[in-house]
């Protein structure tokens, strides 16, 4: 029996296709059970059994039978090595953890795209069901990095994109401890903004067909200018936008701001 904590066996794209089908039809067990068959065929009998037991327990109408299934599932979980999915997750529904909203991508996501895809398939499959993503403090997103981000299979269903810059507020940091050798400490004040996305990347987003699926876009605190805002107003693809966060932390003049409001509507732009 192979270690359930190791990398997935079988074609990575096939795993991703199964997970996409599962989370595109979350109420249907068919794709889950077909995926369980695929897992068993590729040597992961425990994970396959976990999915089947959880689905069967959810469908069971007899409480005694349901208790038996859950007891069998608990015994299966008990013998697993400790790693994130699915054994140690308390919020499991029919074999899979519930999707988070948002996904929080850290600073190093772009360092190994292939490795990230494998990690998500094996340890974070619920990300295939998330509808929102927050990109947190990477090196600033360039057009090339943005293209890679949109291409990640587990983000294909995401409609809410938070690309806001990070504002570090020094006034919220604890004051240094007083020392008998010093009677005065200067007050901590001010802030620093670390933008998340470059102006060229926002321009690329505005002219990308991937923007068709964007319903919410947060671009606050990126030091964007009038030229970048105009690119958004001229986008042929931002047709589904219901919320655009742009007013804070950017340098957009009143005339261009009015153009943004006219393009997307007063109830959309903030």
C-alpha atoms as a PDB file:
ATOM      1  CA  UNK A   1       0.000   0.000   0.000  1.00  0.00           C
ATOM      2  CA  UNK A   2       1.449   3.370  -1.002  1.00  0.00           C
ATOM      3  CA  UNK A   3       1.779   6.184   1.511  1.00  0.00           C
ATOM      4  CA  UNK A   4      -1.309   8.405   1.300  1.00  0.00           C
ATOM      5  CA  UNK A   5       0.810  11.438   2.082  1.00  0.00           C
ATOM      6  CA  UNK A   6       2.956  11.129  -1.046  1.00  0.00           C
ATOM      7  CA  UNK A   7       2.432  12.798  -4.405  1.00  0.00           C
ATOM      8  CA  UNK A   8      -0.562  11.647  -6.476  1.00  0.00           C
ATOM      9  CA  UNK A   9      -0.054   8.673  -8.779  1.00  0.00           C
ATOM     10  CA  UNK A  10      -1.567   8.986 -12.226  1.00  0.00           C
ATOM     11  CA  UNK A  11      -1.696  11.884 -14.625  1.00  0.00           C
ATOM     12  CA  UNK A  12      -1.827  15.251 -12.818  1.00  0.00           C
ATOM     13  CA  UNK A  13      -4.173  16.726 -15.398  1.00  0.00           C
ATOM     14  CA  UNK A  14      -6.509  13.757 -14.963  1.00  0.00           C
ATOM     15  CA  UNK A  15      -6.686  14.379 -11.204  1.00  0.00           C
ATOM     16  CA  UNK A  16      -7.420  18.036 -11.919  1.00  0.00           C
ATOM     17  CA  UNK A  17     -10.173  17.116 -14.399  1.00  0.00           C
ATOM     18  CA  UNK A  18     -11.853  14.898 -11.783  1.00  0.00           C
ATOM     19  CA  UNK A  19     -11.647  17.609  -9.136  1.00  0.00           C
ATOM     20  CA  UNK A  20     -13.041  20.199 -11.530  1.00  0.00           C
ATOM     21  CA  UNK A  21     -15.992  17.911 -12.288  1.00  0.00           C
ATOM     22  CA  UNK A  22     -16.563  17.270  -8.562  1.00  0.00           C
ATOM     23  CA  UNK A  23     -16.663  20.911  -7.539  1.00  0.00           C
ATOM     24  CA  UNK A  24     -18.555  22.064 -10.632  1.00  0.00           C
ATOM     25  CA  UNK A  25     -21.423  19.781  -9.556  1.00  0.00           C
ATOM     26  CA  UNK A  26     -21.107  19.750  -5.754  1.00  0.00           C
ATOM     27  CA  UNK A  27     -24.492  18.111  -5.122  1.00  0.00           C
ATOM     28  CA  UNK A  28     -23.816  15.129  -7.411  1.00  0.00           C
ATOM     29  CA  UNK A  29     -21.922  12.097  -6.055  1.00  0.00           C
ATOM     30  CA  UNK A  30     -21.220  10.591  -9.483  1.00  0.00           C
ATOM     31  CA  UNK A  31     -17.926  12.387 -10.132  1.00  0.00           C
ATOM     32  CA  UNK A  32     -16.783  11.695  -6.559  1.00  0.00           C
ATOM     33  CA  UNK A  33     -17.364   7.971  -6.916  1.00  0.00           C
ATOM     34  CA  UNK A  34     -15.740   7.832 -10.358  1.00  0.00           C
ATOM     35  CA  UNK A  35     -12.724   9.602  -8.881  1.00  0.00           C
ATOM     36  CA  UNK A  36     -12.668   7.047  -6.060  1.00  0.00           C
ATOM     37  CA  UNK A  37     -12.470   4.291  -8.702  1.00  0.00           C
ATOM     38  CA  UNK A  38      -9.581   6.126 -10.380  1.00  0.00           C
ATOM     39  CA  UNK A  39      -7.753   6.462  -7.052  1.00  0.00           C
ATOM     40  CA  UNK A  40      -8.170   2.767  -6.323  1.00  0.00           C
ATOM     41  CA  UNK A  41      -6.930   1.821  -9.793  1.00  0.00           C
ATOM     42  CA  UNK A  42      -3.790   3.853  -9.088  1.00  0.00           C
ATOM     43  CA  UNK A  43      -3.087   2.272  -5.714  1.00  0.00           C
ATOM     44  CA  UNK A  44      -4.687   4.687  -3.260  1.00  0.00           C
ATOM     45  CA  UNK A  45      -7.284   2.344  -1.807  1.00  0.00           C
ATOM     46  CA  UNK A  46      -7.588   4.215   1.495  1.00  0.00           C
ATOM     47  CA  UNK A  47      -8.487   7.537  -0.058  1.00  0.00           C
ATOM     48  CA  UNK A  48     -10.907   5.845  -2.416  1.00  0.00           C
ATOM     49  CA  UNK A  49     -12.542   4.073   0.518  1.00  0.00           C
ATOM     50  CA  UNK A  50     -12.778   7.330   2.478  1.00  0.00           C
ATOM     51  CA  UNK A  51     -14.691   9.044  -0.327  1.00  0.00           C
ATOM     52  CA  UNK A  52     -17.055   6.087  -0.781  1.00  0.00           C
ATOM     53  CA  UNK A  53     -17.731   5.735   2.952  1.00  0.00           C
ATOM     54  CA  UNK A  54     -18.394   9.452   3.389  1.00  0.00           C
ATOM     55  CA  UNK A  55     -20.768   9.542   0.402  1.00  0.00           C
ATOM     56  CA  UNK A  56     -22.590   6.425   1.616  1.00  0.00           C
ATOM     57  CA  UNK A  57     -22.937   7.839   5.142  1.00  0.00           C
ATOM     58  CA  UNK A  58     -24.411  11.037   3.736  1.00  0.00           C
ATOM     59  CA  UNK A  59     -26.994   9.076   1.715  1.00  0.00           C
ATOM     60  CA  UNK A  60     -27.890   6.609   4.474  1.00  0.00           C
ATOM     61  CA  UNK A  61     -31.422   6.972   5.826  1.00  0.00           C
ATOM     62  CA  UNK A  62     -31.044   4.296   8.483  1.00  0.00           C
ATOM     63  CA  UNK A  63     -29.273   5.751  11.516  1.00  0.00           C
ATOM     64  CA  UNK A  64     -27.751   2.401  12.523  1.00  0.00           C
ATOM     65  CA  UNK A  65     -26.272   1.933   9.051  1.00  0.00           C
ATOM     66  CA  UNK A  66     -25.017   5.505   9.025  1.00  0.00           C
ATOM     67  CA  UNK A  67     -23.325   4.985  12.399  1.00  0.00           C
ATOM     68  CA  UNK A  68     -21.639   1.845  11.086  1.00  0.00           C
ATOM     69  CA  UNK A  69     -20.324   3.682   8.044  1.00  0.00           C
ATOM     70  CA  UNK A  70     -19.004   6.563  10.137  1.00  0.00           C
ATOM     71  CA  UNK A  71     -17.330   4.111  12.533  1.00  0.00           C
ATOM     72  CA  UNK A  72     -15.631   2.415   9.591  1.00  0.00           C
ATOM     73  CA  UNK A  73     -14.549   5.790   8.259  1.00  0.00           C
ATOM     74  CA  UNK A  74     -13.162   6.789  11.678  1.00  0.00           C
ATOM     75  CA  UNK A  75     -11.115   3.577  11.804  1.00  0.00           C
ATOM     76  CA  UNK A  76      -9.748   4.367   8.348  1.00  0.00           C
ATOM     77  CA  UNK A  77      -8.801   7.896   9.388  1.00  0.00           C
ATOM     78  CA  UNK A  78      -7.172   6.660  12.584  1.00  0.00           C
ATOM     79  CA  UNK A  79      -4.540   4.677  10.724  1.00  0.00           C
ATOM     80  CA  UNK A  80      -3.534   7.520   8.385  1.00  0.00           C
ATOM     81  CA  UNK A  81      -0.339   9.548   8.677  1.00  0.00           C
ATOM     82  CA  UNK A  82      -0.905  13.117   9.825  1.00  0.00           C
ATOM     83  CA  UNK A  83      -1.162  15.505   6.910  1.00  0.00           C
ATOM     84  CA  UNK A  84      -3.711  18.098   5.853  1.00  0.00           C
ATOM     85  CA  UNK A  85      -6.166  16.284   3.578  1.00  0.00           C
ATOM     86  CA  UNK A  86      -8.597  14.759   4.190  1.00  0.00           C
ATOM     87  CA  UNK A  87      -7.904  12.896   7.380  1.00  0.00           C
ATOM     88  CA  UNK A  88      -7.338  15.770   9.806  1.00  0.00           C
ATOM     89  CA  UNK A  89      -9.893  18.223   8.394  1.00  0.00           C
ATOM     90  CA  UNK A  90     -13.028  18.496  10.564  1.00  0.00           C
ATOM     91  CA  UNK A  91     -15.143  20.102   7.820  1.00  0.00           C
ATOM     92  CA  UNK A  92     -15.449  17.205   5.374  1.00  0.00           C
ATOM     93  CA  UNK A  93     -18.488  16.758   3.183  1.00  0.00           C
ATOM     94  CA  UNK A  94     -18.860  13.550   1.172  1.00  0.00           C
ATOM     95  CA  UNK A  95     -15.159  12.858   1.049  1.00  0.00           C
ATOM     96  CA  UNK A  96     -13.799  16.372   0.519  1.00  0.00           C
ATOM     97  CA  UNK A  97     -13.161  19.387   2.739  1.00  0.00           C
ATOM     98  CA  UNK A  98     -15.436  22.389   2.227  1.00  0.00           C
ATOM     99  CA  UNK A  99     -14.000  25.064  -0.098  1.00  0.00           C
ATOM    100  CA  UNK A 100     -12.404  28.112   1.532  1.00  0.00           C
ATOM    101  CA  UNK A 101     -13.337  31.634   0.528  1.00  0.00           C
ATOM    102  CA  UNK A 102     -10.999  33.157  -0.175  1.00  0.00           C
ATOM    103  CA  UNK A 103      -7.987  31.073  -1.090  1.00  0.00           C
ATOM    104  CA  UNK A 104      -5.022  32.918   0.406  1.00  0.00           C
ATOM    105  CA  UNK A 105      -1.988  32.581  -1.869  1.00  0.00           C
ATOM    106  CA  UNK A 106       1.223  33.382  -0.027  1.00  0.00           C
ATOM    107  CA  UNK A 107       4.406  34.986  -1.232  1.00  0.00           C
ATOM    108  CA  UNK A 108       6.077  31.945  -2.807  1.00  0.00           C
ATOM    109  CA  UNK A 109       3.253  30.543  -4.970  1.00  0.00           C
ATOM    110  CA  UNK A 110       4.980  31.477  -8.224  1.00  0.00           C
ATOM    111  CA  UNK A 111       8.305  29.785  -7.409  1.00  0.00           C
ATOM    112  CA  UNK A 112       7.160  26.288  -8.433  1.00  0.00           C
ATOM    113  CA  UNK A 113       3.904  26.274 -10.384  1.00  0.00           C
ATOM    114  CA  UNK A 114       4.040  22.544 -11.089  1.00  0.00           C
ATOM    115  CA  UNK A 115       4.747  21.775  -7.445  1.00  0.00           C
ATOM    116  CA  UNK A 116       1.876  24.015  -6.355  1.00  0.00           C
ATOM    117  CA  UNK A 117      -0.531  22.167  -8.654  1.00  0.00           C
ATOM    118  CA  UNK A 118       0.500  18.825  -7.147  1.00  0.00           C
ATOM    119  CA  UNK A 119       0.141  20.151  -3.593  1.00  0.00           C
ATOM    120  CA  UNK A 120      -3.351  21.460  -4.321  1.00  0.00           C
ATOM    121  CA  UNK A 121      -4.472  18.173  -5.904  1.00  0.00           C
ATOM    122  CA  UNK A 122      -3.213  16.111  -3.008  1.00  0.00           C
ATOM    123  CA  UNK A 123      -3.571  18.344   0.015  1.00  0.00           C
ATOM    124  CA  UNK A 124      -5.938  21.159  -0.907  1.00  0.00           C
ATOM    125  CA  UNK A 125      -8.417  19.689  -3.429  1.00  0.00           C
ATOM    126  CA  UNK A 126     -11.169  21.871  -1.951  1.00  0.00           C
ATOM    127  CA  UNK A 127      -9.496  24.862  -3.599  1.00  0.00           C
ATOM    128  CA  UNK A 128     -11.154  23.683  -6.828  1.00  0.00           C
ATOM    129  CA  UNK A 129     -14.449  24.849  -5.302  1.00  0.00           C
ATOM    130  CA  UNK A 130     -13.377  28.276  -4.042  1.00  0.00           C
ATOM    131  CA  UNK A 131     -14.870  31.368  -5.663  1.00  0.00           C
ATOM    132  CA  UNK A 132     -12.484  33.987  -4.275  1.00  0.00           C
ATOM    133  CA  UNK A 133      -8.704  34.369  -4.105  1.00  0.00           C
ATOM    134  CA  UNK A 134      -6.417  36.789  -2.283  1.00  0.00           C
ATOM    135  CA  UNK A 135      -2.878  37.210  -3.572  1.00  0.00           C
ATOM    136  CA  UNK A 136      -0.773  38.311  -0.631  1.00  0.00           C
ATOM    137  CA  UNK A 137       2.439  40.238  -0.988  1.00  0.00           C
ATOM    138  CA  UNK A 138       4.294  38.442  -3.775  1.00  0.00           C
ATOM    139  CA  UNK A 139       6.895  40.152  -5.862  1.00  0.00           C
ATOM    140  CA  UNK A 140       4.604  42.497  -7.773  1.00  0.00           C
ATOM    141  CA  UNK A 141       2.473  40.704 -10.334  1.00  0.00           C
ATOM    142  CA  UNK A 142       3.774  41.264 -13.846  1.00  0.00           C
ATOM    143  CA  UNK A 143       1.754  40.425 -16.970  1.00  0.00           C
ATOM    144  CA  UNK A 144       3.633  37.115 -17.176  1.00  0.00           C
ATOM    145  CA  UNK A 145       2.884  36.172 -13.554  1.00  0.00           C
ATOM    146  CA  UNK A 146      -0.738  37.226 -13.933  1.00  0.00           C
ATOM    147  CA  UNK A 147      -1.083  34.953 -16.974  1.00  0.00           C
ATOM    148  CA  UNK A 148       0.345  32.044 -14.958  1.00  0.00           C
ATOM    149  CA  UNK A 149      -2.042  32.823 -12.112  1.00  0.00           C
ATOM    150  CA  UNK A 150      -5.118  32.797 -14.366  1.00  0.00           C
ATOM    151  CA  UNK A 151      -3.945  29.524 -15.932  1.00  0.00           C
ATOM    152  CA  UNK A 152      -3.817  27.584 -12.649  1.00  0.00           C
ATOM    153  CA  UNK A 153      -6.515  24.861 -12.967  1.00  0.00           C
ATOM    154  CA  UNK A 154      -7.766  25.226  -9.390  1.00  0.00           C
ATOM    155  CA  UNK A 155      -8.516  28.925 -10.008  1.00  0.00           C
ATOM    156  CA  UNK A 156     -10.604  28.502 -13.168  1.00  0.00           C
ATOM    157  CA  UNK A 157     -13.872  28.927 -11.241  1.00  0.00           C
ATOM    158  CA  UNK A 158     -12.704  31.939  -9.207  1.00  0.00           C
ATOM    159  CA  UNK A 159     -14.709  35.092  -9.881  1.00  0.00           C
ATOM    160  CA  UNK A 160     -13.538  37.327  -7.018  1.00  0.00           C
ATOM    161  CA  UNK A 161      -9.934  38.536  -7.316  1.00  0.00           C
ATOM    162  CA  UNK A 162      -8.332  40.465  -4.470  1.00  0.00           C
ATOM    163  CA  UNK A 163      -5.102  41.985  -5.772  1.00  0.00           C
ATOM    164  CA  UNK A 164      -4.984  44.826  -3.254  1.00  0.00           C
ATOM    165  CA  UNK A 165      -1.605  46.064  -2.095  1.00  0.00           C
ATOM    166  CA  UNK A 166      -0.478  45.536   1.473  1.00  0.00           C
ATOM    167  CA  UNK A 167      -0.534  48.529   3.832  1.00  0.00           C
ATOM    168  CA  UNK A 168       1.827  48.200   6.774  1.00  0.00           C
ATOM    169  CA  UNK A 169       0.614  50.497   9.564  1.00  0.00           C
ATOM    170  CA  UNK A 170       3.501  51.196  11.936  1.00  0.00           C
ATOM    171  CA  UNK A 171       1.175  52.769  14.508  1.00  0.00           C
ATOM    172  CA  UNK A 172      -0.287  49.321  15.186  1.00  0.00           C
ATOM    173  CA  UNK A 173       3.073  47.846  16.185  1.00  0.00           C
ATOM    174  CA  UNK A 174       3.729  47.476  19.941  1.00  0.00           C
ATOM    175  CA  UNK A 175       5.893  50.113  21.522  1.00  0.00           C
ATOM    176  CA  UNK A 176       9.394  48.990  22.587  1.00  0.00           C
ATOM    177  CA  UNK A 177       9.777  48.160  26.257  1.00  0.00           C
ATOM    178  CA  UNK A 178      11.068  51.008  28.400  1.00  0.00           C
ATOM    179  CA  UNK A 179      14.556  50.762  29.777  1.00  0.00           C
ATOM    180  CA  UNK A 180      15.854  52.629  32.819  1.00  0.00           C
ATOM    181  CA  UNK A 181      18.674  53.912  30.628  1.00  0.00           C
ATOM    182  CA  UNK A 182      16.293  55.731  28.260  1.00  0.00           C
ATOM    183  CA  UNK A 183      13.478  58.103  29.129  1.00  0.00           C
ATOM    184  CA  UNK A 184      12.276  58.896  25.621  1.00  0.00           C
ATOM    185  CA  UNK A 185      11.054  56.733  22.757  1.00  0.00           C
ATOM    186  CA  UNK A 186       9.905  58.363  19.514  1.00  0.00           C
ATOM    187  CA  UNK A 187       6.260  57.659  18.689  1.00  0.00           C
ATOM    188  CA  UNK A 188       5.703  55.095  15.965  1.00  0.00           C
ATOM    189  CA  UNK A 189       3.580  56.512  13.183  1.00  0.00           C
ATOM    190  CA  UNK A 190       3.024  56.359   9.449  1.00  0.00           C
ATOM    191  CA  UNK A 191       2.587  53.482   7.055  1.00  0.00           C
ATOM    192  CA  UNK A 192       4.180  51.803   4.054  1.00  0.00           C
ATOM    193  CA  UNK A 193       2.349  50.430   1.034  1.00  0.00           C
ATOM    194  CA  UNK A 194       3.614  47.389  -0.847  1.00  0.00           C
ATOM    195  CA  UNK A 195       1.713  47.157  -4.163  1.00  0.00           C
ATOM    196  CA  UNK A 196       0.669  43.706  -5.341  1.00  0.00           C
ATOM    197  CA  UNK A 197       0.228  44.318  -9.054  1.00  0.00           C
ATOM    198  CA  UNK A 198       2.045  46.451 -11.628  1.00  0.00           C
ATOM    199  CA  UNK A 199       0.294  48.901 -13.918  1.00  0.00           C
ATOM    200  CA  UNK A 200       1.318  46.793 -16.936  1.00  0.00           C
ATOM    201  CA  UNK A 201      -0.283  43.704 -15.344  1.00  0.00           C
ATOM    202  CA  UNK A 202      -3.573  45.565 -14.781  1.00  0.00           C
ATOM    203  CA  UNK A 203      -3.463  46.670 -18.413  1.00  0.00           C
ATOM    204  CA  UNK A 204      -2.870  43.048 -19.455  1.00  0.00           C
ATOM    205  CA  UNK A 205      -5.779  41.912 -17.294  1.00  0.00           C
ATOM    206  CA  UNK A 206      -8.062  44.476 -18.930  1.00  0.00           C
ATOM    207  CA  UNK A 207      -7.210  43.029 -22.353  1.00  0.00           C
ATOM    208  CA  UNK A 208      -7.334  39.357 -21.377  1.00  0.00           C
ATOM    209  CA  UNK A 209     -10.278  37.089 -22.141  1.00  0.00           C
ATOM    210  CA  UNK A 210      -9.796  35.688 -18.627  1.00  0.00           C
ATOM    211  CA  UNK A 211     -11.329  38.943 -17.375  1.00  0.00           C
ATOM    212  CA  UNK A 212     -14.706  37.709 -18.621  1.00  0.00           C
ATOM    213  CA  UNK A 213     -15.050  35.602 -15.462  1.00  0.00           C
ATOM    214  CA  UNK A 214     -14.118  38.406 -13.054  1.00  0.00           C
ATOM    215  CA  UNK A 215     -17.094  39.557 -10.976  1.00  0.00           C
ATOM    216  CA  UNK A 216     -15.183  41.328  -8.192  1.00  0.00           C
ATOM    217  CA  UNK A 217     -11.781  43.013  -8.538  1.00  0.00           C
ATOM    218  CA  UNK A 218      -9.878  44.669  -5.695  1.00  0.00           C
ATOM    219  CA  UNK A 219      -7.027  46.923  -6.868  1.00  0.00           C
ATOM    220  CA  UNK A 220      -6.688  49.185  -3.833  1.00  0.00           C
ATOM    221  CA  UNK A 221      -3.268  50.394  -2.653  1.00  0.00           C
ATOM    222  CA  UNK A 222      -1.390  49.648  -5.863  1.00  0.00           C
ATOM    223  CA  UNK A 223      -0.376  53.236  -6.718  1.00  0.00           C
ATOM    224  CA  UNK A 224      -2.160  53.013 -10.062  1.00  0.00           C
ATOM    225  CA  UNK A 225      -2.510  56.120 -12.198  1.00  0.00           C
ATOM    226  CA  UNK A 226      -4.902  57.659 -14.714  1.00  0.00           C
ATOM    227  CA  UNK A 227      -3.460  55.681 -17.621  1.00  0.00           C
ATOM    228  CA  UNK A 228      -4.121  52.387 -15.889  1.00  0.00           C
ATOM    229  CA  UNK A 229      -7.638  53.420 -14.897  1.00  0.00           C
ATOM    230  CA  UNK A 230      -8.368  54.342 -18.526  1.00  0.00           C
ATOM    231  CA  UNK A 231      -7.229  50.859 -19.586  1.00  0.00           C
ATOM    232  CA  UNK A 232      -9.885  49.382 -17.313  1.00  0.00           C
ATOM    233  CA  UNK A 233     -12.584  51.589 -18.854  1.00  0.00           C
ATOM    234  CA  UNK A 234     -11.583  50.429 -22.351  1.00  0.00           C
ATOM    235  CA  UNK A 235     -11.590  46.725 -21.525  1.00  0.00           C
ATOM    236  CA  UNK A 236     -13.823  44.669 -23.835  1.00  0.00           C
ATOM    237  CA  UNK A 237     -13.799  41.786 -21.330  1.00  0.00           C
ATOM    238  CA  UNK A 238     -14.719  43.225 -17.914  1.00  0.00           C
ATOM    239  CA  UNK A 239     -18.396  42.681 -18.716  1.00  0.00           C
ATOM    240  CA  UNK A 240     -19.337  40.719 -15.591  1.00  0.00           C
ATOM    241  CA  UNK A 241     -17.886  43.156 -13.065  1.00  0.00           C
ATOM    242  CA  UNK A 242     -20.162  43.778 -10.105  1.00  0.00           C
ATOM    243  CA  UNK A 243     -17.587  45.282  -7.742  1.00  0.00           C
ATOM    244  CA  UNK A 244     -14.424  47.287  -8.459  1.00  0.00           C
ATOM    245  CA  UNK A 245     -12.338  48.469  -5.492  1.00  0.00           C
ATOM    246  CA  UNK A 246     -10.116  51.240  -6.834  1.00  0.00           C
ATOM    247  CA  UNK A 247     -10.528  54.441  -4.829  1.00  0.00           C
ATOM    248  CA  UNK A 248      -8.000  53.870  -2.027  1.00  0.00           C
ATOM    249  CA  UNK A 249      -4.237  53.966  -2.468  1.00  0.00           C
ATOM    250  CA  UNK A 250      -4.248  54.919  -6.164  1.00  0.00           C
ATOM    251  CA  UNK A 251      -3.616  58.247  -7.920  1.00  0.00           C
ATOM    252  CA  UNK A 252      -6.629  58.739 -10.160  1.00  0.00           C
ATOM    253  CA  UNK A 253      -7.852  62.201 -11.080  1.00  0.00           C
ATOM    254  CA  UNK A 254     -11.503  63.269 -10.879  1.00  0.00           C
ATOM    255  CA  UNK A 255     -12.078  63.310 -14.650  1.00  0.00           C
ATOM    256  CA  UNK A 256     -10.728  59.826 -15.138  1.00  0.00           C
ATOM    257  CA  UNK A 257     -12.582  58.640 -12.037  1.00  0.00           C
ATOM    258  CA  UNK A 258     -15.805  59.873 -13.614  1.00  0.00           C
ATOM    259  CA  UNK A 259     -14.960  57.838 -16.729  1.00  0.00           C
ATOM    260  CA  UNK A 260     -14.531  54.753 -14.524  1.00  0.00           C
ATOM    261  CA  UNK A 261     -17.911  55.378 -12.887  1.00  0.00           C
ATOM    262  CA  UNK A 262     -19.575  55.897 -16.272  1.00  0.00           C
ATOM    263  CA  UNK A 263     -18.070  52.653 -17.610  1.00  0.00           C
ATOM    264  CA  UNK A 264     -18.920  50.367 -14.710  1.00  0.00           C
ATOM    265  CA  UNK A 265     -21.688  52.192 -12.817  1.00  0.00           C
ATOM    266  CA  UNK A 266     -21.912  53.963  -9.472  1.00  0.00           C
ATOM    267  CA  UNK A 267     -23.096  50.807  -7.714  1.00  0.00           C
ATOM    268  CA  UNK A 268     -19.979  48.899  -8.861  1.00  0.00           C
ATOM    269  CA  UNK A 269     -17.075  51.282  -8.339  1.00  0.00           C
ATOM    270  CA  UNK A 270     -15.745  51.973  -4.846  1.00  0.00           C
END
